[in-house]
Full PDB file with SEQRES, HELIX, SHEET, SSBOND, CRYST1, ORIGX, SCALE, CONECT and MASTER records, all heavy atoms in Angstrom:
SEQRES   1 A   36  LYS GLU GLY LEU ARG LEU GLN ALA ARG PRO ARG GLU ASP          
SEQRES   2 A   36  LEU VAL GLY ARG SER HIS TRP GLU VAL TYR PRO ASP THR          
SEQRES   3 A   36  TYR ASP SER PRO VAL GLY GLN LEU TYR ARG                      
HELIX    1 AA1 GLU A    2  GLN A    7  1                                   6    
HELIX    2 AA2 ARG A   11  ASP A   13  5                                   3    
HELIX    3 AA3 HIS A   19  VAL A   22  1                                   4    
HELIX    4 AA4 PRO A   24  THR A   26  5                                   3    
HELIX    5 AA5 PRO A   30  TYR A   35  1                                   6    
CRYST1    1.000    1.000    1.000  90.00  90.00  90.00 P 1           1          
ORIGX1      1.000000  0.000000  0.000000        0.00000                         
ORIGX2      0.000000  1.000000  0.000000        0.00000                         
ORIGX3      0.000000  0.000000  1.000000        0.00000                         
SCALE1      1.000000  0.000000  0.000000        0.00000                         
SCALE2      0.000000  1.000000  0.000000        0.00000                         
SCALE3      0.000000  0.000000  1.000000        0.00000                         
ATOM      1  N   LYS A   1      -6.775  -0.057   8.863  1.00  0.00           N  
ATOM      2  CA  LYS A   1      -6.305  -1.127   9.749  1.00  0.00           C  
ATOM      3  C   LYS A   1      -5.507  -2.188   8.984  1.00  0.00           C  
ATOM      4  O   LYS A   1      -4.479  -2.662   9.448  1.00  0.00           O  
ATOM      5  CB  LYS A   1      -7.512  -1.752  10.445  1.00  0.00           C  
ATOM      6  CG  LYS A   1      -7.181  -2.749  11.506  1.00  0.00           C  
ATOM      7  CD  LYS A   1      -8.458  -3.219  12.200  1.00  0.00           C  
ATOM      8  CE  LYS A   1      -8.156  -4.265  13.235  1.00  0.00           C  
ATOM      9  NZ  LYS A   1      -9.377  -4.696  13.930  1.00  0.00           N  
ATOM     10  N   GLU A   2      -5.983  -2.554   7.787  1.00  0.00           N  
ATOM     11  CA  GLU A   2      -5.283  -3.565   6.995  1.00  0.00           C  
ATOM     12  C   GLU A   2      -3.917  -3.053   6.547  1.00  0.00           C  
ATOM     13  O   GLU A   2      -2.933  -3.794   6.544  1.00  0.00           O  
ATOM     14  CB  GLU A   2      -6.135  -3.983   5.793  1.00  0.00           C  
ATOM     15  CG  GLU A   2      -5.484  -5.020   4.908  1.00  0.00           C  
ATOM     16  CD  GLU A   2      -5.248  -6.370   5.567  1.00  0.00           C  
ATOM     17  OE1 GLU A   2      -5.673  -6.605   6.720  1.00  0.00           O  
ATOM     18  OE2 GLU A   2      -4.619  -7.233   4.914  1.00  0.00           O  
ATOM     19  N   GLY A   3      -3.842  -1.795   6.173  1.00  0.00           N  
ATOM     20  CA  GLY A   3      -2.557  -1.209   5.784  1.00  0.00           C  
ATOM     21  C   GLY A   3      -1.559  -1.237   6.929  1.00  0.00           C  
ATOM     22  O   GLY A   3      -0.378  -1.535   6.739  1.00  0.00           O  
ATOM     23  N   LEU A   4      -2.036  -0.953   8.111  1.00  0.00           N  
ATOM     24  CA  LEU A   4      -1.160  -1.007   9.285  1.00  0.00           C  
ATOM     25  C   LEU A   4      -0.709  -2.435   9.559  1.00  0.00           C  
ATOM     26  O   LEU A   4       0.444  -2.679   9.903  1.00  0.00           O  
ATOM     27  CB  LEU A   4      -1.873  -0.425  10.507  1.00  0.00           C  
ATOM     28  CG  LEU A   4      -2.192   1.063  10.439  1.00  0.00           C  
ATOM     29  CD1 LEU A   4      -3.070   1.470  11.620  1.00  0.00           C  
ATOM     30  CD2 LEU A   4      -0.928   1.899  10.382  1.00  0.00           C  
ATOM     31  N   ARG A   5      -1.622  -3.393   9.378  1.00  0.00           N  
ATOM     32  CA  ARG A   5      -1.267  -4.799   9.592  1.00  0.00           C  
ATOM     33  C   ARG A   5      -0.208  -5.258   8.592  1.00  0.00           C  
ATOM     34  O   ARG A   5       0.770  -5.896   8.961  1.00  0.00           O  
ATOM     35  CB  ARG A   5      -2.508  -5.692   9.476  1.00  0.00           C  
ATOM     36  CG  ARG A   5      -2.202  -7.170   9.805  1.00  0.00           C  
ATOM     37  CD  ARG A   5      -3.332  -8.088   9.401  1.00  0.00           C  
ATOM     38  NE  ARG A   5      -3.469  -8.217   7.966  1.00  0.00           N  
ATOM     39  CZ  ARG A   5      -2.671  -8.951   7.174  1.00  0.00           C  
ATOM     40  NH1 ARG A   5      -1.658  -9.608   7.689  1.00  0.00           N  
ATOM     41  NH2 ARG A   5      -2.883  -9.027   5.874  1.00  0.00           N  
ATOM     42  N   LEU A   6      -0.406  -4.921   7.324  1.00  0.00           N  
ATOM     43  CA  LEU A   6       0.553  -5.329   6.299  1.00  0.00           C  
ATOM     44  C   LEU A   6       1.943  -4.768   6.578  1.00  0.00           C  
ATOM     45  O   LEU A   6       2.944  -5.436   6.384  1.00  0.00           O  
ATOM     46  CB  LEU A   6       0.088  -4.871   4.914  1.00  0.00           C  
ATOM     47  CG  LEU A   6      -1.100  -5.593   4.302  1.00  0.00           C  
ATOM     48  CD1 LEU A   6      -1.523  -4.916   3.006  1.00  0.00           C  
ATOM     49  CD2 LEU A   6      -0.784  -7.057   4.061  1.00  0.00           C  
ATOM     50  N   GLN A   7       1.981  -3.544   7.049  1.00  0.00           N  
ATOM     51  CA  GLN A   7       3.266  -2.891   7.264  1.00  0.00           C  
ATOM     52  C   GLN A   7       3.899  -3.189   8.608  1.00  0.00           C  
ATOM     53  O   GLN A   7       5.096  -2.987   8.783  1.00  0.00           O  
ATOM     54  CB  GLN A   7       3.104  -1.381   7.130  1.00  0.00           C  
ATOM     55  CG  GLN A   7       2.703  -0.993   5.737  1.00  0.00           C  
ATOM     56  CD  GLN A   7       2.629   0.488   5.595  1.00  0.00           C  
ATOM     57  OE1 GLN A   7       3.628   1.164   5.791  1.00  0.00           O  
ATOM     58  NE2 GLN A   7       1.473   0.994   5.258  1.00  0.00           N  
ATOM     59  N   ALA A   8       3.073  -3.616   9.564  1.00  0.00           N  
ATOM     60  CA  ALA A   8       3.555  -3.876  10.927  1.00  0.00           C  
ATOM     61  C   ALA A   8       4.248  -2.637  11.491  1.00  0.00           C  
ATOM     62  O   ALA A   8       5.303  -2.718  12.113  1.00  0.00           O  
ATOM     63  CB  ALA A   8       4.480  -5.096  10.960  1.00  0.00           C  
ATOM     64  N   ARG A   9       3.617  -1.475  11.234  1.00  0.00           N  
ATOM     65  CA  ARG A   9       4.140  -0.201  11.745  1.00  0.00           C  
ATOM     66  C   ARG A   9       2.987   0.567  12.386  1.00  0.00           C  
ATOM     67  O   ARG A   9       1.858   0.474  11.930  1.00  0.00           O  
ATOM     68  CB  ARG A   9       4.718   0.638  10.604  1.00  0.00           C  
ATOM     69  CG  ARG A   9       5.924  -0.018   9.954  1.00  0.00           C  
ATOM     70  CD  ARG A   9       6.323   0.714   8.721  1.00  0.00           C  
ATOM     71  NE  ARG A   9       7.073   1.910   9.055  1.00  0.00           N  
ATOM     72  CZ  ARG A   9       7.728   2.631   8.159  1.00  0.00           C  
ATOM     73  NH1 ARG A   9       7.703   2.297   6.894  1.00  0.00           N  
ATOM     74  NH2 ARG A   9       8.392   3.686   8.512  1.00  0.00           N  
ATOM     75  N   PRO A  10       3.293   1.361  13.399  1.00  0.00           N  
ATOM     76  CA  PRO A  10       2.215   2.150  14.014  1.00  0.00           C  
ATOM     77  C   PRO A  10       1.797   3.321  13.127  1.00  0.00           C  
ATOM     78  O   PRO A  10       2.587   3.844  12.332  1.00  0.00           O  
ATOM     79  CB  PRO A  10       2.841   2.649  15.322  1.00  0.00           C  
ATOM     80  CG  PRO A  10       4.307   2.613  15.100  1.00  0.00           C  
ATOM     81  CD  PRO A  10       4.562   1.515  14.099  1.00  0.00           C  
ATOM     82  N   ARG A  11       0.559   3.723  13.272  1.00  0.00           N  
ATOM     83  CA  ARG A  11      -0.017   4.836  12.512  1.00  0.00           C  
ATOM     84  C   ARG A  11       0.864   6.093  12.605  1.00  0.00           C  
ATOM     85  O   ARG A  11       1.046   6.806  11.629  1.00  0.00           O  
ATOM     86  CB  ARG A  11      -1.421   5.124  13.046  1.00  0.00           C  
ATOM     87  CG  ARG A  11      -2.126   6.280  12.376  1.00  0.00           C  
ATOM     88  CD  ARG A  11      -3.519   6.522  12.947  1.00  0.00           C  
ATOM     89  NE  ARG A  11      -4.479   5.470  12.743  1.00  0.00           N  
ATOM     90  CZ  ARG A  11      -5.010   5.114  11.568  1.00  0.00           C  
ATOM     91  NH1 ARG A  11      -4.649   5.741  10.484  1.00  0.00           N  
ATOM     92  NH2 ARG A  11      -5.888   4.147  11.485  1.00  0.00           N  
ATOM     93  N   GLU A  12       1.426   6.348  13.797  1.00  0.00           N  
ATOM     94  CA  GLU A  12       2.244   7.554  14.012  1.00  0.00           C  
ATOM     95  C   GLU A  12       3.480   7.600  13.113  1.00  0.00           C  
ATOM     96  O   GLU A  12       4.019   8.668  12.850  1.00  0.00           O  
ATOM     97  CB  GLU A  12       2.698   7.657  15.474  1.00  0.00           C  
ATOM     98  CG  GLU A  12       1.581   7.661  16.494  1.00  0.00           C  
ATOM     99  CD  GLU A  12       1.029   6.262  16.776  1.00  0.00           C  
ATOM    100  OE1 GLU A  12       1.805   5.295  16.954  1.00  0.00           O  
ATOM    101  OE2 GLU A  12      -0.209   6.135  16.798  1.00  0.00           O  
ATOM    102  N   ASP A  13       3.961   6.438  12.680  1.00  0.00           N  
ATOM    103  CA  ASP A  13       5.127   6.392  11.792  1.00  0.00           C  
ATOM    104  C   ASP A  13       4.779   6.774  10.363  1.00  0.00           C  
ATOM    105  O   ASP A  13       5.678   6.983   9.545  1.00  0.00           O  
ATOM    106  CB  ASP A  13       5.738   4.987  11.774  1.00  0.00           C  
ATOM    107  CG  ASP A  13       6.524   4.666  13.024  1.00  0.00           C  
ATOM    108  OD1 ASP A  13       6.594   5.519  13.933  1.00  0.00           O  
ATOM    109  OD2 ASP A  13       7.066   3.549  13.101  1.00  0.00           O  
ATOM    110  N   LEU A  14       3.481   6.853  10.044  1.00  0.00           N  
ATOM    111  CA  LEU A  14       3.051   7.040   8.665  1.00  0.00           C  
ATOM    112  C   LEU A  14       2.265   8.334   8.443  1.00  0.00           C  
ATOM    113  O   LEU A  14       2.639   9.152   7.599  1.00  0.00           O  
ATOM    114  CB  LEU A  14       2.199   5.845   8.222  1.00  0.00           C  
ATOM    115  CG  LEU A  14       2.848   4.473   8.402  1.00  0.00           C  
ATOM    116  CD1 LEU A  14       1.819   3.382   8.233  1.00  0.00           C  
ATOM    117  CD2 LEU A  14       3.999   4.305   7.437  1.00  0.00           C  
ATOM    118  N   VAL A  15       1.186   8.504   9.180  1.00  0.00           N  
ATOM    119  CA  VAL A  15       0.266   9.622   8.952  1.00  0.00           C  
ATOM    120  C   VAL A  15       0.953  10.957   9.273  1.00  0.00           C  
ATOM    121  O   VAL A  15       1.612  11.103  10.288  1.00  0.00           O  
ATOM    122  CB  VAL A  15      -1.021   9.447   9.780  1.00  0.00           C  
ATOM    123  CG1 VAL A  15      -1.935  10.661   9.650  1.00  0.00           C  
ATOM    124  CG2 VAL A  15      -1.754   8.185   9.347  1.00  0.00           C  
ATOM    125  N   GLY A  16       0.789  11.888   8.336  1.00  0.00           N  
ATOM    126  CA  GLY A  16       1.378  13.217   8.498  1.00  0.00           C  
ATOM    127  C   GLY A  16       2.779  13.346   7.934  1.00  0.00           C  
ATOM    128  O   GLY A  16       3.349  14.429   7.930  1.00  0.00           O  
ATOM    129  N   ARG A  17       3.326  12.259   7.439  1.00  0.00           N  
ATOM    130  CA  ARG A  17       4.670  12.279   6.856  1.00  0.00           C  
ATOM    131  C   ARG A  17       4.578  12.086   5.358  1.00  0.00           C  
ATOM    132  O   ARG A  17       3.669  11.439   4.851  1.00  0.00           O  
ATOM    133  CB  ARG A  17       5.530  11.171   7.476  1.00  0.00           C  
ATOM    134  CG  ARG A  17       5.741  11.394   8.971  1.00  0.00           C  
ATOM    135  CD  ARG A  17       6.525  10.287   9.616  1.00  0.00           C  
ATOM    136  NE  ARG A  17       7.859  10.175   9.040  1.00  0.00           N  
ATOM    137  CZ  ARG A  17       8.642   9.104   9.201  1.00  0.00           C  
ATOM    138  NH1 ARG A  17       8.209   8.079   9.905  1.00  0.00           N  
ATOM    139  NH2 ARG A  17       9.823   9.060   8.661  1.00  0.00           N  
ATOM    140  N   SER A  18       5.551  12.595   4.654  1.00  0.00           N  
ATOM    141  CA  SER A  18       5.602  12.426   3.205  1.00  0.00           C  
ATOM    142  C   SER A  18       5.843  10.958   2.864  1.00  0.00           C  
ATOM    143  O   SER A  18       6.644  10.270   3.512  1.00  0.00           O  
ATOM    144  CB  SER A  18       6.744  13.260   2.630  1.00  0.00           C  
ATOM    145  OG  SER A  18       7.058  12.858   1.319  1.00  0.00           O  
ATOM    146  N   HIS A  19       5.144  10.496   1.834  1.00  0.00           N  
ATOM    147  CA  HIS A  19       5.369   9.126   1.360  1.00  0.00           C  
ATOM    148  C   HIS A  19       6.852   8.928   1.043  1.00  0.00           C  
ATOM    149  O   HIS A  19       7.423   7.882   1.339  1.00  0.00           O  
ATOM    150  CB  HIS A  19       4.514   8.849   0.119  1.00  0.00           C  
ATOM    151  CG  HIS A  19       4.833   7.549  -0.516  1.00  0.00           C  
ATOM    152  ND1 HIS A  19       4.262   6.363  -0.113  1.00  0.00           N  
ATOM    153  CD2 HIS A  19       5.702   7.227  -1.512  1.00  0.00           C  
ATOM    154  CE1 HIS A  19       4.760   5.377  -0.831  1.00  0.00           C  
ATOM    155  NE2 HIS A  19       5.624   5.872  -1.685  1.00  0.00           N  
ATOM    156  N   TRP A  20       7.473   9.932   0.440  1.00  0.00           N  
ATOM    157  CA  TRP A  20       8.880   9.821   0.023  1.00  0.00           C  
ATOM    158  C   TRP A  20       9.805   9.753   1.226  1.00  0.00           C  
ATOM    159  O   TRP A  20      10.884   9.159   1.152  1.00  0.00           O  
ATOM    160  CB  TRP A  20       9.258  10.981  -0.890  1.00  0.00           C  
ATOM    161  CG  TRP A  20       8.251  11.221  -1.963  1.00  0.00           C  
ATOM    162  CD1 TRP A  20       7.608  12.396  -2.226  1.00  0.00           C  
ATOM    163  CD2 TRP A  20       7.744  10.287  -2.933  1.00  0.00           C  
ATOM    164  NE1 TRP A  20       6.733  12.249  -3.278  1.00  0.00           N  
ATOM    165  CE2 TRP A  20       6.794  10.967  -3.727  1.00  0.00           C  
ATOM    166  CE3 TRP A  20       7.977   8.946  -3.189  1.00  0.00           C  
ATOM    167  CZ2 TRP A  20       6.099  10.348  -4.770  1.00  0.00           C  
ATOM    168  CZ3 TRP A  20       7.284   8.323  -4.216  1.00  0.00           C  
ATOM    169  CH2 TRP A  20       6.361   9.027  -5.000  1.00  0.00           C  
ATOM    170  N   GLU A  21       9.403  10.345   2.349  1.00  0.00           N  
ATOM    171  CA  GLU A  21      10.189  10.261   3.583  1.00  0.00           C  
ATOM    172  C   GLU A  21      10.055   8.874   4.212  1.00  0.00           C  
ATOM    173  O   GLU A  21      11.034   8.282   4.659  1.00  0.00           O  
ATOM    174  CB  GLU A  21       9.705  11.331   4.565  1.00  0.00           C  
ATOM    175  CG  GLU A  21      10.393  11.298   5.911  1.00  0.00           C  
ATOM    176  CD  GLU A  21       9.765  12.254   6.916  1.00  0.00           C  
ATOM    177  OE1 GLU A  21       8.843  13.022   6.570  1.00  0.00           O  
ATOM    178  OE2 GLU A  21      10.197  12.202   8.075  1.00  0.00           O  
ATOM    179  N   VAL A  22       8.829   8.362   4.217  1.00  0.00           N  
ATOM    180  CA  VAL A  22       8.577   7.050   4.828  1.00  0.00           C  
ATOM    181  C   VAL A  22       9.162   5.927   3.973  1.00  0.00           C  
ATOM    182  O   VAL A  22       9.688   4.952   4.491  1.00  0.00           O  
ATOM    183  CB  VAL A  22       7.058   6.833   5.032  1.00  0.00           C  
ATOM    184  CG1 VAL A  22       6.765   5.438   5.563  1.00  0.00           C  
ATOM    185  CG2 VAL A  22       6.489   7.884   5.987  1.00  0.00           C  
ATOM    186  N   TYR A  23       9.076   6.081   2.649  1.00  0.00           N  
ATOM    187  CA  TYR A  23       9.558   5.059   1.708  1.00  0.00           C  
ATOM    188  C   TYR A  23      10.533   5.711   0.725  1.00  0.00           C  
ATOM    189  O   TYR A  23      10.226   5.871  -0.453  1.00  0.00           O  
ATOM    190  CB  TYR A  23       8.383   4.442   0.935  1.00  0.00           C  
ATOM    191  CG  TYR A  23       7.282   3.934   1.823  1.00  0.00           C  
ATOM    192  CD1 TYR A  23       6.122   4.673   2.008  1.00  0.00           C  
ATOM    193  CD2 TYR A  23       7.419   2.722   2.486  1.00  0.00           C  
ATOM    194  CE1 TYR A  23       5.108   4.204   2.827  1.00  0.00           C  
ATOM    195  CE2 TYR A  23       6.410   2.257   3.306  1.00  0.00           C  
ATOM    196  CZ  TYR A  23       5.256   3.005   3.476  1.00  0.00           C  
ATOM    197  OH  TYR A  23       4.265   2.548   4.289  1.00  0.00           O  
ATOM    198  N   PRO A  24      11.721   6.077   1.181  1.00  0.00           N  
ATOM    199  CA  PRO A  24      12.644   6.838   0.325  1.00  0.00           C  
ATOM    200  C   PRO A  24      13.100   6.098  -0.929  1.00  0.00           C  
ATOM    201  O   PRO A  24      13.443   6.726  -1.928  1.00  0.00           O  
ATOM    202  CB  PRO A  24      13.829   7.138   1.257  1.00  0.00           C  
ATOM    203  CG  PRO A  24      13.734   6.127   2.351  1.00  0.00           C  
ATOM    204  CD  PRO A  24      12.276   5.800   2.491  1.00  0.00           C  
ATOM    205  N   ASP A  25      13.055   4.790  -0.910  1.00  0.00           N  
ATOM    206  CA  ASP A  25      13.516   4.019  -2.065  1.00  0.00           C  
ATOM    207  C   ASP A  25      12.448   3.884  -3.142  1.00  0.00           C  
ATOM    208  O   ASP A  25      12.684   3.253  -4.168  1.00  0.00           O  
ATOM    209  CB  ASP A  25      13.980   2.636  -1.624  1.00  0.00           C  
ATOM    210  CG  ASP A  25      12.912   1.839  -0.901  1.00  0.00           C  
ATOM    211  OD1 ASP A  25      12.009   2.451  -0.289  1.00  0.00           O  
ATOM    212  OD2 ASP A  25      12.975   0.596  -0.931  1.00  0.00           O  
ATOM    213  N   THR A  26      11.273   4.481  -2.956  1.00  0.00           N  
ATOM    214  CA  THR A  26      10.205   4.302  -3.930  1.00  0.00           C  
ATOM    215  C   THR A  26      10.072   5.434  -4.939  1.00  0.00           C  
ATOM    216  O   THR A  26       9.323   5.297  -5.908  1.00  0.00           O  
ATOM    217  CB  THR A  26       8.838   4.114  -3.237  1.00  0.00           C  
ATOM    218  OG1 THR A  26       8.512   5.302  -2.498  1.00  0.00           O  
ATOM    219  CG2 THR A  26       8.848   2.911  -2.325  1.00  0.00           C  
ATOM    220  N   TYR A  27      10.752   6.549  -4.749  1.00  0.00           N  
ATOM    221  CA  TYR A  27      10.530   7.695  -5.639  1.00  0.00           C  
ATOM    222  C   TYR A  27      10.721   7.330  -7.114  1.00  0.00           C  
ATOM    223  O   TYR A  27       9.878   7.626  -7.950  1.00  0.00           O  
ATOM    224  CB  TYR A  27      11.426   8.879  -5.264  1.00  0.00           C  
ATOM    225  CG  TYR A  27      11.059  10.107  -6.056  1.00  0.00           C  
ATOM    226  CD1 TYR A  27      10.011  10.919  -5.649  1.00  0.00           C  
ATOM    227  CD2 TYR A  27      11.730  10.438  -7.225  1.00  0.00           C  
ATOM    228  CE1 TYR A  27       9.643  12.036  -6.386  1.00  0.00           C  
ATOM    229  CE2 TYR A  27      11.360  11.542  -7.969  1.00  0.00           C  
ATOM    230  CZ  TYR A  27      10.317  12.339  -7.543  1.00  0.00           C  
ATOM    231  OH  TYR A  27       9.943  13.430  -8.287  1.00  0.00           O  
ATOM    232  N   ASP A  28      11.848   6.702  -7.441  1.00  0.00           N  
ATOM    233  CA  ASP A  28      12.134   6.341  -8.836  1.00  0.00           C  
ATOM    234  C   ASP A  28      11.688   4.923  -9.188  1.00  0.00           C  
ATOM    235  O   ASP A  28      11.913   4.470 -10.301  1.00  0.00           O  
ATOM    236  CB  ASP A  28      13.627   6.503  -9.134  1.00  0.00           C  
ATOM    237  CG  ASP A  28      14.037   7.961  -9.151  1.00  0.00           C  
ATOM    238  OD1 ASP A  28      13.270   8.794  -9.671  1.00  0.00           O  
ATOM    239  OD2 ASP A  28      15.120   8.275  -8.625  1.00  0.00           O  
ATOM    240  N   SER A  29      11.068   4.249  -8.252  1.00  0.00           N  
ATOM    241  CA  SER A  29      10.600   2.878  -8.483  1.00  0.00           C  
ATOM    242  C   SER A  29       9.300   2.909  -9.272  1.00  0.00           C  
ATOM    243  O   SER A  29       8.680   3.963  -9.444  1.00  0.00           O  
ATOM    244  CB  SER A  29      10.366   2.184  -7.138  1.00  0.00           C  
ATOM    245  OG  SER A  29       9.156   2.668  -6.547  1.00  0.00           O  
ATOM    246  N   PRO A  30       8.849   1.746  -9.742  1.00  0.00           N  
ATOM    247  CA  PRO A  30       7.543   1.695 -10.413  1.00  0.00           C  
ATOM    248  C   PRO A  30       6.407   2.250  -9.546  1.00  0.00           C  
ATOM    249  O   PRO A  30       5.470   2.859 -10.060  1.00  0.00           O  
ATOM    250  CB  PRO A  30       7.353   0.209 -10.711  1.00  0.00           C  
ATOM    251  CG  PRO A  30       8.747  -0.315 -10.861  1.00  0.00           C  
ATOM    252  CD  PRO A  30       9.550   0.452  -9.832  1.00  0.00           C  
ATOM    253  N   VAL A  31       6.495   2.072  -8.228  1.00  0.00           N  
ATOM    254  CA  VAL A  31       5.470   2.606  -7.329  1.00  0.00           C  
ATOM    255  C   VAL A  31       5.449   4.131  -7.391  1.00  0.00           C  
ATOM    256  O   VAL A  31       4.397   4.748  -7.575  1.00  0.00           O  
ATOM    257  CB  VAL A  31       5.689   2.127  -5.877  1.00  0.00           C  
ATOM    258  CG1 VAL A  31       4.763   2.850  -4.911  1.00  0.00           C  
ATOM    259  CG2 VAL A  31       5.518   0.621  -5.771  1.00  0.00           C  
ATOM    260  N   GLY A  32       6.606   4.746  -7.240  1.00  0.00           N  
ATOM    261  CA  GLY A  32       6.684   6.204  -7.299  1.00  0.00           C  
ATOM    262  C   GLY A  32       6.263   6.740  -8.652  1.00  0.00           C  
ATOM    263  O   GLY A  32       5.566   7.765  -8.750  1.00  0.00           O  
ATOM    264  N   GLN A  33       6.665   6.060  -9.702  1.00  0.00           N  
ATOM    265  CA  GLN A  33       6.268   6.474 -11.050  1.00  0.00           C  
ATOM    266  C   GLN A  33       4.754   6.389 -11.210  1.00  0.00           C  
ATOM    267  O   GLN A  33       4.133   7.283 -11.796  1.00  0.00           O  
ATOM    268  CB  GLN A  33       6.967   5.613 -12.095  1.00  0.00           C  
ATOM    269  CG  GLN A  33       8.461   5.837 -12.143  1.00  0.00           C  
ATOM    270  CD  GLN A  33       9.183   4.811 -12.986  1.00  0.00           C  
ATOM    271  OE1 GLN A  33       8.572   4.034 -13.715  1.00  0.00           O  
ATOM    272  NE2 GLN A  33      10.503   4.776 -12.874  1.00  0.00           N  
ATOM    273  N   LEU A  34       4.145   5.331 -10.666  1.00  0.00           N  
ATOM    274  CA  LEU A  34       2.695   5.177 -10.736  1.00  0.00           C  
ATOM    275  C   LEU A  34       1.995   6.307  -9.981  1.00  0.00           C  
ATOM    276  O   LEU A  34       1.080   6.940 -10.509  1.00  0.00           O  
ATOM    277  CB  LEU A  34       2.272   3.818 -10.173  1.00  0.00           C  
ATOM    278  CG  LEU A  34       0.762   3.575 -10.090  1.00  0.00           C  
ATOM    279  CD1 LEU A  34       0.151   3.486 -11.487  1.00  0.00           C  
ATOM    280  CD2 LEU A  34       0.477   2.318  -9.299  1.00  0.00           C  
ATOM    281  N   TYR A  35       2.419   6.572  -8.758  1.00  0.00           N  
ATOM    282  CA  TYR A  35       1.800   7.641  -7.969  1.00  0.00           C  
ATOM    283  C   TYR A  35       1.888   8.990  -8.696  1.00  0.00           C  
ATOM    284  O   TYR A  35       0.904   9.721  -8.766  1.00  0.00           O  
ATOM    285  CB  TYR A  35       2.470   7.782  -6.610  1.00  0.00           C  
ATOM    286  CG  TYR A  35       2.136   6.703  -5.614  1.00  0.00           C  
ATOM    287  CD1 TYR A  35       2.948   6.507  -4.507  1.00  0.00           C  
ATOM    288  CD2 TYR A  35       1.022   5.883  -5.747  1.00  0.00           C  
ATOM    289  CE1 TYR A  35       2.662   5.540  -3.564  1.00  0.00           C  
ATOM    290  CE2 TYR A  35       0.728   4.910  -4.817  1.00  0.00           C  
ATOM    291  CZ  TYR A  35       1.552   4.741  -3.719  1.00  0.00           C  
ATOM    292  OH  TYR A  35       1.261   3.788  -2.798  1.00  0.00           O  
ATOM    293  N   ARG A  36       3.055   9.319  -9.208  1.00  0.00           N  
ATOM    294  CA  ARG A  36       3.227  10.612  -9.876  1.00  0.00           C  
ATOM    295  C   ARG A  36       2.399  10.683 -11.159  1.00  0.00           C  
ATOM    296  O   ARG A  36       1.824  11.725 -11.465  1.00  0.00           O  
ATOM    297  CB  ARG A  36       4.708  10.889 -10.137  1.00  0.00           C  
ATOM    298  CG  ARG A  36       5.492  11.116  -8.826  1.00  0.00           C  
ATOM    299  CD  ARG A  36       6.882  11.670  -9.035  1.00  0.00           C  
ATOM    300  NE  ARG A  36       7.666  10.998 -10.058  1.00  0.00           N  
ATOM    301  CZ  ARG A  36       8.364   9.892  -9.870  1.00  0.00           C  
ATOM    302  NH1 ARG A  36       8.395   9.296  -8.685  1.00  0.00           N  
ATOM    303  NH2 ARG A  36       9.076   9.366 -10.847  1.00  0.00           N  
TER     304      ARG A  36                                                      
MASTER        0    0    0    5    0    0    0    6  303    1    0    3          
END                                                                             
């Protein structure tokens, strides 16, 4: 619930989709590097 609040996006826009699809600018960012 808190994640949805922070993002102000519905669950359907996020769950079941690739992180890289939802946040395409993060792959080479520090966030993407951390996840990988």
